[in-house]
Structure formats: structure tokens, C-alpha cells
Amino acid sequence: MLSTSPQQTQKIAALLVKTILENPENSPRIFCLHGNLGSGKTTFIQAVARVLKIKNKVLSPTFVIMKDFPLSKKFAFKRFYHIDCYRIEKPEEILALGFKNIAKNPQNLIFIEWPERIKKIIPRNALWVEFKIKGKNQRQISFNLNPL
């Protein structure tokens, strides 16, 4: 998909989440957002948070690595996790934060920025979302079940 603005990137994210919420049993729960700095990953996640009715401001948790938010009882998912692996040097570092248990819980909806840094421990059923900068406001967003 080609996005020509941050607003369009947000619409793509909102459509994805609405689709997941309509059919949570057959949808991926772990999303790996891959792309260069400034490619739209955080913009995408902010739109996800809006659809999930998260009232807190969602910023990239670069220094804290992981943030989690409780979700409304009306959703099949109970918690939303936003993980930023930019500062992770070895995949094992994320394990100390309880990543394996978080990833195993079917009530968690997980979005990971810089997933390539922990690629070897990400479950195989994760959906990879790749962001490529194509111009000042243009981003190519593609979805893939296989790691990049």
C-alpha cells in the first residue's frame, strides 16, 4: 500500500486494527514494524492506540523499551504492548522483561518497533509490517507473514 501522508498511514493502521477486532480468533496478535527512522512506525502505532481507545499519549518507548496499556472490556484483547527494540543489542535482553510470557498470552496485542533486533525470538505467526520511505510524505507499507 502506498501512503501519501501521515493521516493516510493512520487510516491504514486503523483499518488493520478494526479488522483484527472483528475477528480476533483468526488474526495475528504480534505485529513487527520494520523500517528506517522516520518511516512511519510510531505514527502507525499511535493510530492503533486511538482505535483501541487508549487515552494516554503513545510515544515510542525507546528508553524504557516497553509500555503496556490496559484495554476496554469490550475488546477480546486485555492489554496492548508497544515495544521498541532500537536500544536492544542482544535478543536475550528483551527476555528479561518477560517477553516470552507476554507473547504467549492470547489476550495481549503486541506491536514491536525494530523487531529485526530480536528476530530469532519472535513467534513465527507474527505479522511483519515493512515501511519504506518513497518520498517526502510517501511510504510504502507492506504486510508479510515471513520475517524480512
N, C-alpha and C. Protein backbone atom coordinates (compact mmCIF):
# COMPACT_ATOMS: atom_id res chain seq x y z
N MET A 1 0.85 -1.18 0.00
CA MET A 1 0.00 0.00 0.00
C MET A 1 0.88 1.23 0.00
N LEU A 2 0.48 2.23 -0.73
CA LEU A 2 1.23 3.49 -0.75
C LEU A 2 0.48 4.52 0.08
N SER A 3 1.16 5.07 1.07
CA SER A 3 0.61 6.14 1.89
C SER A 3 1.25 7.44 1.45
N THR A 4 0.43 8.47 1.28
CA THR A 4 0.96 9.75 0.84
C THR A 4 0.93 10.82 1.93
N SER A 5 0.60 10.39 3.17
CA SER A 5 0.58 11.34 4.28
C SER A 5 0.53 10.58 5.60
N PRO A 6 0.92 11.24 6.69
CA PRO A 6 0.78 10.59 8.00
C PRO A 6 -0.68 10.21 8.29
N GLN A 7 -1.62 11.03 7.84
CA GLN A 7 -3.03 10.75 8.06
C GLN A 7 -3.45 9.47 7.33
N GLN A 8 -2.92 9.27 6.14
CA GLN A 8 -3.25 8.06 5.40
C GLN A 8 -2.61 6.83 6.06
N THR A 9 -1.40 6.98 6.59
CA THR A 9 -0.76 5.90 7.34
C THR A 9 -1.63 5.53 8.54
N GLN A 10 -2.18 6.54 9.20
CA GLN A 10 -3.06 6.29 10.35
C GLN A 10 -4.34 5.57 9.92
N LYS A 11 -4.86 5.90 8.77
CA LYS A 11 -6.07 5.23 8.28
C LYS A 11 -5.80 3.77 7.98
N ILE A 12 -4.63 3.48 7.42
CA ILE A 12 -4.25 2.09 7.15
C ILE A 12 -4.16 1.32 8.46
N ALA A 13 -3.54 1.91 9.47
CA ALA A 13 -3.41 1.27 10.78
C ALA A 13 -4.80 1.04 11.40
N ALA A 14 -5.66 2.04 11.31
CA ALA A 14 -7.00 1.93 11.88
C ALA A 14 -7.78 0.80 11.20
N LEU A 15 -7.66 0.69 9.90
CA LEU A 15 -8.35 -0.38 9.17
C LEU A 15 -7.83 -1.75 9.61
N LEU A 16 -6.53 -1.87 9.77
CA LEU A 16 -5.94 -3.12 10.24
C LEU A 16 -6.51 -3.52 11.60
N VAL A 17 -6.51 -2.58 12.54
CA VAL A 17 -6.98 -2.89 13.90
C VAL A 17 -8.47 -3.21 13.91
N LYS A 18 -9.25 -2.48 13.17
CA LYS A 18 -10.69 -2.77 13.12
C LYS A 18 -10.93 -4.17 12.58
N THR A 19 -10.16 -4.59 11.59
CA THR A 19 -10.26 -5.94 11.04
C THR A 19 -9.91 -6.98 12.10
N ILE A 20 -8.86 -6.72 12.86
CA ILE A 20 -8.44 -7.64 13.93
C ILE A 20 -9.52 -7.74 15.00
N LEU A 21 -10.08 -6.61 15.38
CA LEU A 21 -11.09 -6.61 16.44
C LEU A 21 -12.37 -7.32 16.02
N GLU A 22 -12.66 -7.32 14.72
CA GLU A 22 -13.86 -8.01 14.23
C GLU A 22 -13.69 -9.52 14.25
N ASN A 23 -12.44 -9.99 14.15
CA ASN A 23 -12.19 -11.42 14.08
C ASN A 23 -10.91 -11.76 14.86
N PRO A 24 -10.90 -11.56 16.17
CA PRO A 24 -9.66 -11.72 16.95
C PRO A 24 -9.11 -13.15 16.98
N GLU A 25 -9.98 -14.15 16.87
CA GLU A 25 -9.52 -15.53 16.95
C GLU A 25 -8.63 -15.92 15.78
N ASN A 26 -8.86 -15.36 14.63
CA ASN A 26 -8.12 -15.74 13.43
C ASN A 26 -7.15 -14.67 12.96
N SER A 27 -6.83 -13.73 13.82
CA SER A 27 -5.95 -12.63 13.44
C SER A 27 -4.61 -12.76 14.16
N PRO A 28 -3.56 -12.22 13.55
CA PRO A 28 -2.29 -12.17 14.27
C PRO A 28 -2.43 -11.28 15.50
N ARG A 29 -1.62 -11.53 16.52
CA ARG A 29 -1.61 -10.70 17.72
C ARG A 29 -0.31 -9.96 17.88
N ILE A 30 0.70 -10.37 17.12
CA ILE A 30 2.02 -9.76 17.23
C ILE A 30 2.35 -9.14 15.88
N PHE A 31 2.70 -7.85 15.92
CA PHE A 31 2.98 -7.10 14.70
C PHE A 31 4.38 -6.52 14.81
N CYS A 32 5.20 -6.82 13.82
CA CYS A 32 6.60 -6.39 13.81
C CYS A 32 6.74 -5.28 12.78
N LEU A 33 6.97 -4.06 13.25
CA LEU A 33 7.05 -2.90 12.37
C LEU A 33 8.51 -2.61 12.06
N HIS A 34 8.86 -2.80 10.80
CA HIS A 34 10.24 -2.70 10.34
C HIS A 34 10.37 -1.53 9.37
N GLY A 35 11.37 -0.69 9.60
CA GLY A 35 11.62 0.42 8.69
C GLY A 35 12.61 1.40 9.30
N ASN A 36 13.14 2.26 8.47
CA ASN A 36 14.12 3.25 8.92
C ASN A 36 13.48 4.27 9.86
N LEU A 37 14.32 5.01 10.57
CA LEU A 37 13.85 6.13 11.37
C LEU A 37 13.02 7.06 10.49
N GLY A 38 11.89 7.51 11.00
CA GLY A 38 11.06 8.45 10.26
C GLY A 38 10.20 7.83 9.18
N SER A 39 10.10 6.50 9.16
CA SER A 39 9.34 5.86 8.08
C SER A 39 7.85 5.71 8.39
N GLY A 40 7.44 6.01 9.63
CA GLY A 40 6.02 5.99 9.95
C GLY A 40 5.58 4.95 10.97
N LYS A 41 6.52 4.24 11.56
CA LYS A 41 6.17 3.18 12.52
C LYS A 41 5.41 3.72 13.73
N THR A 42 5.90 4.78 14.34
CA THR A 42 5.25 5.33 15.53
C THR A 42 3.91 5.96 15.15
N THR A 43 3.83 6.61 14.03
CA THR A 43 2.56 7.18 13.55
C THR A 43 1.52 6.07 13.41
N PHE A 44 1.94 4.95 12.88
CA PHE A 44 1.08 3.78 12.71
C PHE A 44 0.58 3.30 14.07
N ILE A 45 1.49 3.15 15.02
CA ILE A 45 1.13 2.65 16.35
C ILE A 45 0.22 3.63 17.09
N GLN A 46 0.42 4.91 16.90
CA GLN A 46 -0.45 5.90 17.54
C GLN A 46 -1.89 5.75 17.05
N ALA A 47 -2.06 5.45 15.77
CA ALA A 47 -3.40 5.23 15.24
C ALA A 47 -4.01 3.96 15.81
N VAL A 48 -3.19 2.93 15.97
CA VAL A 48 -3.66 1.69 16.60
C VAL A 48 -4.19 2.01 18.00
N ALA A 49 -3.42 2.76 18.76
CA ALA A 49 -3.81 3.12 20.13
C ALA A 49 -5.12 3.91 20.15
N ARG A 50 -5.30 4.79 19.19
CA ARG A 50 -6.55 5.57 19.12
C ARG A 50 -7.76 4.67 18.91
N VAL A 51 -7.64 3.72 17.98
CA VAL A 51 -8.74 2.80 17.72
C VAL A 51 -9.04 1.97 18.96
N LEU A 52 -8.00 1.64 19.72
CA LEU A 52 -8.17 0.85 20.93
C LEU A 52 -8.61 1.69 22.13
N LYS A 53 -8.87 2.97 21.88
CA LYS A 53 -9.37 3.90 22.91
C LYS A 53 -8.39 4.11 24.06
N ILE A 54 -7.11 4.06 23.75
CA ILE A 54 -6.09 4.33 24.76
C ILE A 54 -5.99 5.83 24.93
N LYS A 55 -6.19 6.29 26.13
CA LYS A 55 -6.23 7.73 26.38
C LYS A 55 -4.84 8.33 26.58
N ASN A 56 -3.88 7.53 27.02
CA ASN A 56 -2.51 8.03 27.22
C ASN A 56 -1.89 8.38 25.88
N LYS A 57 -0.97 9.33 25.92
CA LYS A 57 -0.23 9.67 24.72
C LYS A 57 0.76 8.53 24.44
N VAL A 58 0.73 8.00 23.25
CA VAL A 58 1.59 6.87 22.90
C VAL A 58 2.79 7.39 22.11
N LEU A 59 3.94 7.31 22.75
CA LEU A 59 5.20 7.69 22.14
C LEU A 59 6.08 6.45 22.06
N SER A 60 7.09 6.49 21.24
CA SER A 60 7.99 5.36 21.14
C SER A 60 8.73 5.16 22.46
N PRO A 61 8.65 3.96 23.04
CA PRO A 61 9.31 3.71 24.32
C PRO A 61 10.79 3.36 24.17
N THR A 62 11.52 4.19 23.44
CA THR A 62 12.91 3.91 23.12
C THR A 62 13.76 3.67 24.35
N PHE A 63 13.57 4.44 25.40
CA PHE A 63 14.44 4.32 26.57
C PHE A 63 13.90 3.34 27.60
N VAL A 64 12.58 3.17 27.66
CA VAL A 64 12.02 2.20 28.61
C VAL A 64 11.79 0.85 27.95
N ILE A 65 11.95 0.77 26.68
CA ILE A 65 11.83 -0.43 25.84
C ILE A 65 10.37 -0.87 25.64
N MET A 66 9.59 -0.94 26.71
CA MET A 66 8.25 -1.49 26.60
C MET A 66 7.25 -0.70 27.45
N LYS A 67 6.08 -0.47 26.85
CA LYS A 67 4.96 0.12 27.58
C LYS A 67 3.75 -0.77 27.34
N ASP A 68 2.92 -0.90 28.36
CA ASP A 68 1.70 -1.65 28.15
C ASP A 68 0.52 -0.85 28.69
N PHE A 69 -0.61 -1.07 28.07
CA PHE A 69 -1.82 -0.33 28.39
C PHE A 69 -2.99 -1.31 28.53
N PRO A 70 -3.80 -1.14 29.56
CA PRO A 70 -5.00 -1.98 29.67
C PRO A 70 -6.01 -1.57 28.59
N LEU A 71 -6.77 -2.52 28.12
CA LEU A 71 -7.78 -2.25 27.10
C LEU A 71 -9.18 -2.39 27.68
N SER A 72 -10.11 -1.76 27.04
CA SER A 72 -11.51 -1.81 27.44
C SER A 72 -12.01 -3.25 27.46
N LYS A 73 -12.93 -3.52 28.34
CA LYS A 73 -13.51 -4.86 28.45
C LYS A 73 -14.28 -5.25 27.20
N LYS A 74 -14.60 -4.28 26.35
CA LYS A 74 -15.37 -4.61 25.15
C LYS A 74 -14.50 -5.28 24.07
N PHE A 75 -13.17 -5.26 24.26
CA PHE A 75 -12.27 -5.89 23.30
C PHE A 75 -11.91 -7.30 23.75
N ALA A 76 -11.63 -8.17 22.80
CA ALA A 76 -11.18 -9.53 23.11
C ALA A 76 -9.79 -9.51 23.74
N PHE A 77 -9.01 -8.50 23.39
CA PHE A 77 -7.66 -8.36 23.95
C PHE A 77 -7.74 -7.55 25.24
N LYS A 78 -6.90 -7.90 26.21
CA LYS A 78 -6.93 -7.22 27.50
C LYS A 78 -5.82 -6.19 27.67
N ARG A 79 -4.71 -6.40 26.96
CA ARG A 79 -3.58 -5.46 27.09
C ARG A 79 -2.98 -5.19 25.71
N PHE A 80 -2.51 -3.95 25.56
CA PHE A 80 -1.80 -3.51 24.35
C PHE A 80 -0.35 -3.25 24.75
N TYR A 81 0.58 -3.90 24.07
CA TYR A 81 2.01 -3.70 24.33
C TYR A 81 2.64 -3.00 23.15
N HIS A 82 3.42 -1.97 23.47
CA HIS A 82 4.22 -1.25 22.48
C HIS A 82 5.67 -1.44 22.89
N ILE A 83 6.41 -2.14 22.06
CA ILE A 83 7.80 -2.47 22.36
C ILE A 83 8.70 -1.82 21.31
N ASP A 84 9.76 -1.19 21.78
CA ASP A 84 10.73 -0.56 20.88
C ASP A 84 12.10 -1.18 21.17
N CYS A 85 12.60 -1.94 20.22
CA CYS A 85 13.86 -2.67 20.41
C CYS A 85 15.08 -1.92 19.87
N TYR A 86 14.94 -0.64 19.58
CA TYR A 86 16.03 0.14 19.00
C TYR A 86 17.30 0.05 19.84
N ARG A 87 17.16 0.07 21.15
CA ARG A 87 18.32 0.06 22.04
C ARG A 87 18.76 -1.35 22.46
N ILE A 88 18.05 -2.35 21.98
CA ILE A 88 18.39 -3.74 22.32
C ILE A 88 19.62 -4.16 21.49
N GLU A 89 20.61 -4.71 22.16
CA GLU A 89 21.80 -5.19 21.45
C GLU A 89 21.76 -6.69 21.21
N LYS A 90 21.17 -7.44 22.15
CA LYS A 90 21.06 -8.89 22.02
C LYS A 90 19.61 -9.28 22.31
N PRO A 91 19.06 -10.20 21.53
CA PRO A 91 17.66 -10.59 21.74
C PRO A 91 17.35 -11.03 23.17
N GLU A 92 18.31 -11.60 23.85
CA GLU A 92 18.10 -12.08 25.20
C GLU A 92 17.70 -10.95 26.17
N GLU A 93 18.08 -9.72 25.86
CA GLU A 93 17.77 -8.58 26.73
C GLU A 93 16.26 -8.39 26.90
N ILE A 94 15.50 -8.64 25.84
CA ILE A 94 14.05 -8.46 25.91
C ILE A 94 13.40 -9.56 26.75
N LEU A 95 14.07 -10.69 26.84
CA LEU A 95 13.54 -11.79 27.64
C LEU A 95 13.48 -11.43 29.12
N ALA A 96 14.42 -10.59 29.57
CA ALA A 96 14.45 -10.16 30.97
C ALA A 96 13.22 -9.33 31.33
N LEU A 97 12.53 -8.80 30.32
CA LEU A 97 11.31 -8.01 30.55
C LEU A 97 10.05 -8.86 30.47
N GLY A 98 10.23 -10.17 30.38
CA GLY A 98 9.08 -11.07 30.34
C GLY A 98 8.46 -11.25 28.97
N PHE A 99 9.23 -11.01 27.92
CA PHE A 99 8.68 -11.07 26.56
C PHE A 99 8.04 -12.41 26.23
N LYS A 100 8.65 -13.52 26.62
CA LYS A 100 8.09 -14.83 26.26
C LYS A 100 6.68 -15.01 26.82
N ASN A 101 6.46 -14.62 28.07
CA ASN A 101 5.13 -14.75 28.67
C ASN A 101 4.14 -13.79 28.02
N ILE A 102 4.60 -12.60 27.71
CA ILE A 102 3.74 -11.61 27.04
C ILE A 102 3.32 -12.15 25.67
N ALA A 103 4.27 -12.68 24.93
CA ALA A 103 4.00 -13.19 23.58
C ALA A 103 3.09 -14.41 23.59
N LYS A 104 3.16 -15.21 24.63
CA LYS A 104 2.34 -16.43 24.72
C LYS A 104 0.89 -16.14 25.07
N ASN A 105 0.63 -15.02 25.71
CA ASN A 105 -0.72 -14.73 26.20
C ASN A 105 -1.62 -14.27 25.04
N PRO A 106 -2.67 -15.04 24.71
CA PRO A 106 -3.53 -14.67 23.59
C PRO A 106 -4.39 -13.43 23.84
N GLN A 107 -4.36 -12.91 25.07
CA GLN A 107 -5.12 -11.70 25.36
C GLN A 107 -4.29 -10.44 25.17
N ASN A 108 -3.05 -10.58 24.73
CA ASN A 108 -2.17 -9.44 24.50
C ASN A 108 -2.09 -9.11 23.02
N LEU A 109 -2.17 -7.83 22.71
CA LEU A 109 -1.96 -7.32 21.35
C LEU A 109 -0.63 -6.59 21.39
N ILE A 110 0.32 -7.03 20.55
CA ILE A 110 1.71 -6.58 20.68
C ILE A 110 2.20 -5.95 19.38
N PHE A 111 2.74 -4.74 19.48
CA PHE A 111 3.34 -4.06 18.33
C PHE A 111 4.80 -3.78 18.68
N ILE A 112 5.70 -4.23 17.81
CA ILE A 112 7.14 -4.14 18.06
C ILE A 112 7.81 -3.29 17.00
N GLU A 113 8.50 -2.24 17.44
CA GLU A 113 9.34 -1.45 16.52
C GLU A 113 10.76 -2.01 16.60
N TRP A 114 11.47 -2.00 15.50
CA TRP A 114 12.83 -2.53 15.38
C TRP A 114 12.87 -4.02 15.73
N PRO A 115 11.94 -4.80 15.19
CA PRO A 115 11.87 -6.23 15.52
C PRO A 115 13.05 -7.04 15.02
N GLU A 116 13.74 -6.54 14.02
CA GLU A 116 14.88 -7.29 13.48
C GLU A 116 15.95 -7.53 14.54
N ARG A 117 15.95 -6.72 15.59
CA ARG A 117 16.94 -6.88 16.67
C ARG A 117 16.63 -8.07 17.57
N ILE A 118 15.39 -8.55 17.53
CA ILE A 118 15.02 -9.72 18.34
C ILE A 118 14.38 -10.81 17.46
N LYS A 119 14.67 -10.76 16.20
CA LYS A 119 14.03 -11.63 15.20
C LYS A 119 14.03 -13.11 15.60
N LYS A 120 15.10 -13.58 16.18
CA LYS A 120 15.20 -15.02 16.47
C LYS A 120 14.26 -15.47 17.59
N ILE A 121 13.69 -14.56 18.37
CA ILE A 121 12.78 -14.97 19.44
C ILE A 121 11.32 -14.56 19.19
N ILE A 122 11.06 -13.94 18.04
CA ILE A 122 9.69 -13.56 17.70
C ILE A 122 8.94 -14.79 17.20
N PRO A 123 7.75 -15.04 17.72
CA PRO A 123 6.97 -16.20 17.26
C PRO A 123 6.73 -16.15 15.75
N ARG A 124 6.67 -17.32 15.16
CA ARG A 124 6.53 -17.44 13.69
C ARG A 124 5.22 -16.88 13.15
N ASN A 125 4.20 -16.81 13.98
CA ASN A 125 2.91 -16.34 13.49
C ASN A 125 2.76 -14.82 13.55
N ALA A 126 3.85 -14.11 13.80
CA ALA A 126 3.80 -12.64 13.82
C ALA A 126 3.61 -12.11 12.40
N LEU A 127 2.95 -10.97 12.30
CA LEU A 127 2.79 -10.30 11.01
C LEU A 127 3.82 -9.19 10.92
N TRP A 128 4.62 -9.21 9.88
CA TRP A 128 5.66 -8.20 9.67
C TRP A 128 5.10 -7.09 8.79
N VAL A 129 5.27 -5.86 9.24
CA VAL A 129 4.79 -4.68 8.51
C VAL A 129 6.03 -3.87 8.16
N GLU A 130 6.30 -3.74 6.87
CA GLU A 130 7.50 -3.04 6.43
C GLU A 130 7.14 -1.65 5.92
N PHE A 131 7.92 -0.66 6.38
CA PHE A 131 7.73 0.73 5.98
C PHE A 131 8.96 1.17 5.17
N LYS A 132 8.71 1.62 3.94
CA LYS A 132 9.81 2.13 3.10
C LYS A 132 9.49 3.57 2.71
N ILE A 133 10.47 4.42 2.89
CA ILE A 133 10.32 5.82 2.50
C ILE A 133 10.46 5.92 0.99
N LYS A 134 9.46 6.48 0.34
CA LYS A 134 9.46 6.63 -1.12
C LYS A 134 9.55 8.09 -1.56
N GLY A 135 9.40 9.00 -0.64
CA GLY A 135 9.44 10.43 -0.93
C GLY A 135 9.16 11.19 0.34
N LYS A 136 9.08 12.52 0.25
CA LYS A 136 8.90 13.34 1.45
C LYS A 136 7.74 12.85 2.32
N ASN A 137 6.59 12.62 1.75
CA ASN A 137 5.44 12.14 2.51
C ASN A 137 4.94 10.78 2.03
N GLN A 138 5.69 10.12 1.19
CA GLN A 138 5.24 8.84 0.66
C GLN A 138 5.93 7.67 1.37
N ARG A 139 5.11 6.70 1.78
CA ARG A 139 5.61 5.49 2.43
C ARG A 139 4.96 4.28 1.78
N GLN A 140 5.78 3.30 1.47
CA GLN A 140 5.26 2.02 1.00
C GLN A 140 5.11 1.14 2.24
N ILE A 141 3.90 0.67 2.49
CA ILE A 141 3.63 -0.18 3.66
C ILE A 141 3.21 -1.54 3.13
N SER A 142 3.96 -2.57 3.52
CA SER A 142 3.63 -3.92 3.07
C SER A 142 3.53 -4.87 4.26
N PHE A 143 2.72 -5.91 4.10
CA PHE A 143 2.45 -6.88 5.15
C PHE A 143 2.95 -8.24 4.70
N ASN A 144 3.59 -8.98 5.64
CA ASN A 144 4.18 -10.26 5.28
C ASN A 144 4.18 -11.16 6.51
N LEU A 145 3.84 -12.42 6.35
CA LEU A 145 3.89 -13.36 7.46
C LEU A 145 5.29 -13.93 7.69
N ASN A 146 6.18 -13.73 6.76
CA ASN A 146 7.54 -14.23 6.90
C ASN A 146 8.46 -13.07 7.25
N PRO A 147 9.42 -13.30 8.15
CA PRO A 147 10.35 -12.21 8.51
C PRO A 147 11.08 -11.67 7.30
N LEU A 148 11.39 -10.40 7.39
CA LEU A 148 12.11 -9.73 6.31
C LEU A 148 13.58 -10.08 6.34
